[in-house]
Structure formats: C-alpha cells, structure tokens
Amino acid sequence: MLEFKTIEILKPNKEIIEIIKNYNYKTKNGKIKHLEKTNLQFIEPTEYRIIKPFTLTIHEYKVNEINNKPFYIKEYKQKYNLKEIKEILIKIKN
C-alpha cells in the first residue's frame, strides 16, 4: 500500500482572503506530500472556492523560481499571478 508523509501544509494567502471575505467562500489548505520509500513528491494546491454570488475555484500552487504564476482558475483554465488574480476578483466584485 502507498504511504504518504506530509512534508508541509500550505496556508491560504491573506491577500486573497481579504478580497473574497465579503462572499460566501470555503478554503482548503494545500499540502506537499512525500511518497515513502521513493523520491516522489506531490502537491495538493490551496483551494479557494467562491460559492455566492458566482462560482469560482482558484487553486494556489507552491512556486519555484521558473514559474511566476502560482494561481490557476479552474473555470477559466488559465494561470495567473497574484496581481492578475486581484484584478479579476475586484472586476467581478463590481
């Protein structure tokens, strides 16, 4: 059987929470897991799910130096950086 060990828990981004606090939303902590007896690691992204007044799911991944767009909006199927995410959420808000 596969055994995973959680290496790190990824907490929600405070700037994103500040923008979406007026909506009905749920967050889910992300995790970085290590598969025991191998050198494989798996990343579960931090998830922000806005429920009302619209539906939007944002995944935040832990980034490295190469990738500067850690956010992925499931409904739009695109990657974004923090500045772009803030603009989208503010635009939708109005």
C-alpha atoms as a PDB file:
ATOM      1  CA  MET A   1       0.000   0.000   0.000  1.00  0.00           C
ATOM      2  CA  LEU A   2       1.188   3.528  -0.759  1.00  0.00           C
ATOM      3  CA  GLU A   3       2.198   5.567   2.256  1.00  0.00           C
ATOM      4  CA  PHE A   4       2.435   9.358   2.153  1.00  0.00           C
ATOM      5  CA  LYS A   5       4.102  11.657   4.632  1.00  0.00           C
ATOM      6  CA  THR A   6       3.008  15.305   4.747  1.00  0.00           C
ATOM      7  CA  ILE A   7       6.093  17.494   4.497  1.00  0.00           C
ATOM      8  CA  GLU A   8       4.458  20.922   4.532  1.00  0.00           C
ATOM      9  CA  ILE A   9       0.983  22.407   4.950  1.00  0.00           C
ATOM     10  CA  LEU A  10       0.263  25.370   2.677  1.00  0.00           C
ATOM     11  CA  LYS A  11      -1.943  28.027   4.315  1.00  0.00           C
ATOM     12  CA  PRO A  12      -4.340  30.313   2.375  1.00  0.00           C
ATOM     13  CA  ASN A  13      -2.993  33.625   1.079  1.00  0.00           C
ATOM     14  CA  LYS A  14      -4.110  36.518   3.344  1.00  0.00           C
ATOM     15  CA  GLU A  15      -4.387  38.965   0.422  1.00  0.00           C
ATOM     16  CA  ILE A  16      -6.818  36.701  -1.440  1.00  0.00           C
ATOM     17  CA  ILE A  17      -8.852  36.109   1.740  1.00  0.00           C
ATOM     18  CA  GLU A  18      -9.087  39.881   2.264  1.00  0.00           C
ATOM     19  CA  ILE A  19     -10.606  40.344  -1.205  1.00  0.00           C
ATOM     20  CA  ILE A  20     -13.089  37.443  -1.034  1.00  0.00           C
ATOM     21  CA  LYS A  21     -14.169  37.887   2.604  1.00  0.00           C
ATOM     22  CA  ASN A  22     -17.468  39.519   1.530  1.00  0.00           C
ATOM     23  CA  TYR A  23     -18.507  36.448  -0.477  1.00  0.00           C
ATOM     24  CA  ASN A  24     -19.603  33.012   0.628  1.00  0.00           C
ATOM     25  CA  TYR A  25     -16.398  31.020   0.252  1.00  0.00           C
ATOM     26  CA  LYS A  26     -14.537  27.971   1.504  1.00  0.00           C
ATOM     27  CA  THR A  27     -10.810  27.385   1.659  1.00  0.00           C
ATOM     28  CA  LYS A  28      -8.841  24.181   1.813  1.00  0.00           C
ATOM     29  CA  ASN A  29      -5.198  24.046   2.928  1.00  0.00           C
ATOM     30  CA  GLY A  30      -2.722  22.692   0.448  1.00  0.00           C
ATOM     31  CA  LYS A  31      -0.138  20.025   1.216  1.00  0.00           C
ATOM     32  CA  ILE A  32       3.197  18.852  -0.035  1.00  0.00           C
ATOM     33  CA  LYS A  33       3.406  15.079   0.409  1.00  0.00           C
ATOM     34  CA  HIS A  34       6.288  12.669   0.042  1.00  0.00           C
ATOM     35  CA  LEU A  35       5.667   9.108  -1.140  1.00  0.00           C
ATOM     36  CA  GLU A  36       7.509   6.887   1.336  1.00  0.00           C
ATOM     37  CA  LYS A  37      10.407   4.776   0.017  1.00  0.00           C
ATOM     38  CA  THR A  38      10.681   6.906  -3.160  1.00  0.00           C
ATOM     39  CA  ASN A  39      11.901  10.360  -4.079  1.00  0.00           C
ATOM     40  CA  LEU A  40       8.480  11.472  -5.386  1.00  0.00           C
ATOM     41  CA  GLN A  41       6.648  14.487  -4.013  1.00  0.00           C
ATOM     42  CA  PHE A  42       3.047  15.501  -4.684  1.00  0.00           C
ATOM     43  CA  ILE A  43       1.496  18.923  -4.290  1.00  0.00           C
ATOM     44  CA  GLU A  44      -2.139  19.426  -3.352  1.00  0.00           C
ATOM     45  CA  PRO A  45      -2.912  23.095  -4.057  1.00  0.00           C
ATOM     46  CA  THR A  46      -4.514  25.509  -1.637  1.00  0.00           C
ATOM     47  CA  GLU A  47      -8.099  25.918  -2.829  1.00  0.00           C
ATOM     48  CA  TYR A  48     -10.347  28.984  -2.634  1.00  0.00           C
ATOM     49  CA  ARG A  49     -13.915  28.201  -3.667  1.00  0.00           C
ATOM     50  CA  ILE A  50     -16.277  31.169  -4.015  1.00  0.00           C
ATOM     51  CA  ILE A  51     -19.853  29.925  -3.849  1.00  0.00           C
ATOM     52  CA  LYS A  52     -22.075  33.024  -3.950  1.00  0.00           C
ATOM     53  CA  PRO A  53     -22.885  35.355  -5.824  1.00  0.00           C
ATOM     54  CA  PHE A  54     -20.912  33.488  -8.514  1.00  0.00           C
ATOM     55  CA  THR A  55     -18.960  30.250  -8.670  1.00  0.00           C
ATOM     56  CA  LEU A  56     -15.195  30.434  -8.982  1.00  0.00           C
ATOM     57  CA  THR A  57     -12.487  27.969  -7.961  1.00  0.00           C
ATOM     58  CA  ILE A  58      -8.924  29.208  -7.546  1.00  0.00           C
ATOM     59  CA  HIS A  59      -6.018  26.835  -6.900  1.00  0.00           C
ATOM     60  CA  GLU A  60      -2.757  28.178  -5.495  1.00  0.00           C
ATOM     61  CA  TYR A  61       0.377  26.116  -6.069  1.00  0.00           C
ATOM     62  CA  LYS A  62       3.729  26.427  -4.350  1.00  0.00           C
ATOM     63  CA  VAL A  63       6.029  28.003  -6.930  1.00  0.00           C
ATOM     64  CA  ASN A  64       9.661  27.736  -7.865  1.00  0.00           C
ATOM     65  CA  GLU A  65      11.919  30.297  -9.494  1.00  0.00           C
ATOM     66  CA  ILE A  66      10.846  29.332 -13.018  1.00  0.00           C
ATOM     67  CA  ASN A  67       7.086  29.556 -12.592  1.00  0.00           C
ATOM     68  CA  ASN A  68       5.838  33.006 -11.579  1.00  0.00           C
ATOM     69  CA  LYS A  69       2.110  32.256 -11.975  1.00  0.00           C
ATOM     70  CA  PRO A  70       1.097  30.211  -8.922  1.00  0.00           C
ATOM     71  CA  PHE A  71      -2.686  30.624  -9.302  1.00  0.00           C
ATOM     72  CA  TYR A  72      -4.976  28.629 -11.566  1.00  0.00           C
ATOM     73  CA  ILE A  73      -8.660  29.463 -12.100  1.00  0.00           C
ATOM     74  CA  LYS A  74     -10.479  26.246 -12.875  1.00  0.00           C
ATOM     75  CA  GLU A  75     -13.384  27.887 -14.734  1.00  0.00           C
ATOM     76  CA  TYR A  76     -11.076  29.941 -16.994  1.00  0.00           C
ATOM     77  CA  LYS A  77      -8.455  27.162 -17.403  1.00  0.00           C
ATOM     78  CA  GLN A  78      -5.584  29.640 -17.133  1.00  0.00           C
ATOM     79  CA  LYS A  79      -2.674  30.510 -14.836  1.00  0.00           C
ATOM     80  CA  TYR A  80      -2.350  33.899 -13.154  1.00  0.00           C
ATOM     81  CA  ASN A  81      -0.052  35.758 -10.788  1.00  0.00           C
ATOM     82  CA  LEU A  82      -1.272  37.487  -7.606  1.00  0.00           C
ATOM     83  CA  LYS A  83      -1.712  40.880  -9.258  1.00  0.00           C
ATOM     84  CA  GLU A  84      -3.890  39.399 -12.028  1.00  0.00           C
ATOM     85  CA  ILE A  85      -5.983  37.440  -9.509  1.00  0.00           C
ATOM     86  CA  LYS A  86      -6.638  40.619  -7.501  1.00  0.00           C
ATOM     87  CA  GLU A  87      -7.715  42.454 -10.673  1.00  0.00           C
ATOM     88  CA  ILE A  88     -10.079  39.650 -11.692  1.00  0.00           C
ATOM     89  CA  LEU A  89     -11.687  39.433  -8.243  1.00  0.00           C
ATOM     90  CA  ILE A  90     -12.117  43.205  -7.991  1.00  0.00           C
ATOM     91  CA  LYS A  91     -13.559  43.344 -11.515  1.00  0.00           C
ATOM     92  CA  ILE A  92     -16.047  40.577 -10.738  1.00  0.00           C
ATOM     93  CA  LYS A  93     -16.928  42.293  -7.461  1.00  0.00           C
ATOM     94  CA  ASN A  94     -18.156  45.421  -9.246  1.00  0.00           C
END
